[in-house]
Every structure is written in C-alpha cells, then in structure tokens.
Amino acid sequence: RIAACLERVAWADEIVVVDMNSSDKTVEIAERFTKNITLIPKKSHVELGRNIGINKANGEWILVLDADETLSPGEEQIIRRLIQNKDIDGYWFPRRNYYTKHKYFKYGFFYPDKQLRLFRKRDDIRYSGVIHEPPSIPKENTRYVQNLFIEHRRPAMERGFIFLYLRSLPYIKLEAFRLANTKRSSVFLLEKGIKEIGKYFYISCITKSGYKDGFIGFRASLFHGLYKGSICFYAAHLKLRRSVTK
C-alpha cells in the first residue's frame, strides 16, 4: 500500500522512507518517489523507526504516515495553511480505520482515533519509543484539526478473531513487559485483566456507541477489551515466571 501513501504526499518538499527490513517490493516502489530511503532492522513497533526518519528529514515541519495510511484529498492546502501558525507546535488529525475498501468505523475507540502526526522539527520533539505514545509535545501547544483525515486501511479486521489476536501478540507482549516491571503483584494484574476486558468493551461498545457500527463494531469493541486484558494477563505470567526462577 505504500504507493498510495506516497502518491498522496508527492507534493511535499521532501519524502523520507524508513524501511524495517521488508521482504516485498516496498523499497523498489518507494524509490519511484524518493532516494532518501533508510533500511533498518525489523522492530516490533514503529516509534523508534519514526525517530530515525525525523533525524533524516531537513524540513521545518514533519508529517508522519505509516505505509498503510493515506491523507484525505485536499490535504496540501490545509497543511500549508496550518504550518503558518507560529504559536502551534503540532496538529492532531482524526483517523478513519477502514475494515473494508469503502467502510470505516464511525464509533467506539476507533473513531476519531486522534493522531498527532504534523509537528515542528525540533530536537526536543521525538517519539519516546514506547508503543502507541505520541511525540513529546505539551497538549496546550497542539491543536485538533477536523477537516483533514488520515485514512488507515485495516482489512485484517475482516479476518477471524484468532488471526487478529495473533497479529496483536507482539504488541501485547511489549506492553506487558513494561507493566511487569512495576510493583504490582501478579494477583493484582490477573484481577485487573478481568476488569479491563469488561471496562474497555463497555466504553467502546456502549459509552462510545460502538454498537452503532453493527456486528463489526461489537466485535471490535470486544477485541479491544481482550487486548487490554491480555496485557495484564501476560504481565502476571511474566511476574510468576520470574518468581519461580528466583
């Protein structure tokens, strides 16, 4: 999908691509748009790779997109207008998560799914390296833009539940390792995991009206709850394994 991503931003002053040891034609396709391509070892999440891309860029502003994302039409004029504001350091955009070619979630945790993707290039603005963490910009120095969308293609949402879960395991383990290093007991984490499933399912499906997306919204809400609960369960497993080893 990287061709669609890069075609939509071909107007940019500079395009920087960071490739995590892909085994397909990603680099070959990217070379049609830029020669500024950096190859790095495959990592479990993208935040550290994004920092490498930021370091390689020369512009005053950075726009970050993943290979399976595009911007909605008319983005160039909007972005060029936004970066004229000297009082703002970063902009949040809503992200549409498509589960088919033309359908995207409109409710639950999956919309507006705000993403901080346009920000100034400064030495103090970087990703922390923690999964799903935005760049380090004080919230009061940012603004939310509603008339420009990031379009995220997630056809995996049409696959079976087990497929989705297996795809998410690397992220679950990463977040669990961090949680396992806290002082919380394994019993506490097990109890928290059970509560997290119900809590996040209820918030996504009921509070945030995920049920309005139909069965796919119900399933996505349940999956999000299981994702959050599994982080706690795996962290508890790590703590128990460490105590047995000792």
Foldseek 3Di string as FASTA:
>chain_A
DQLQACVQVLVDPADAEEAAPDPDCVVVSCVVRHPRYHYDHHDLACQVVVQVRLVSDDDFKFFDDDSQKHKDPPVVVVVVVVVVDPQAFWEKEFEFEDQDPPDTQDWFCNPRVIATGMGGRDPQWGGPPQPPGHTPDPPVRYYYDYPMYMYGYDNCLVPDPVSVVVVCVSVLQSLLVVVLPDPDALVRLLVVLVVQLVVQLCCRCPVGVLCVVPPSSNVVSNSVSNSSSSSSNVSSVVNVVVVVVD
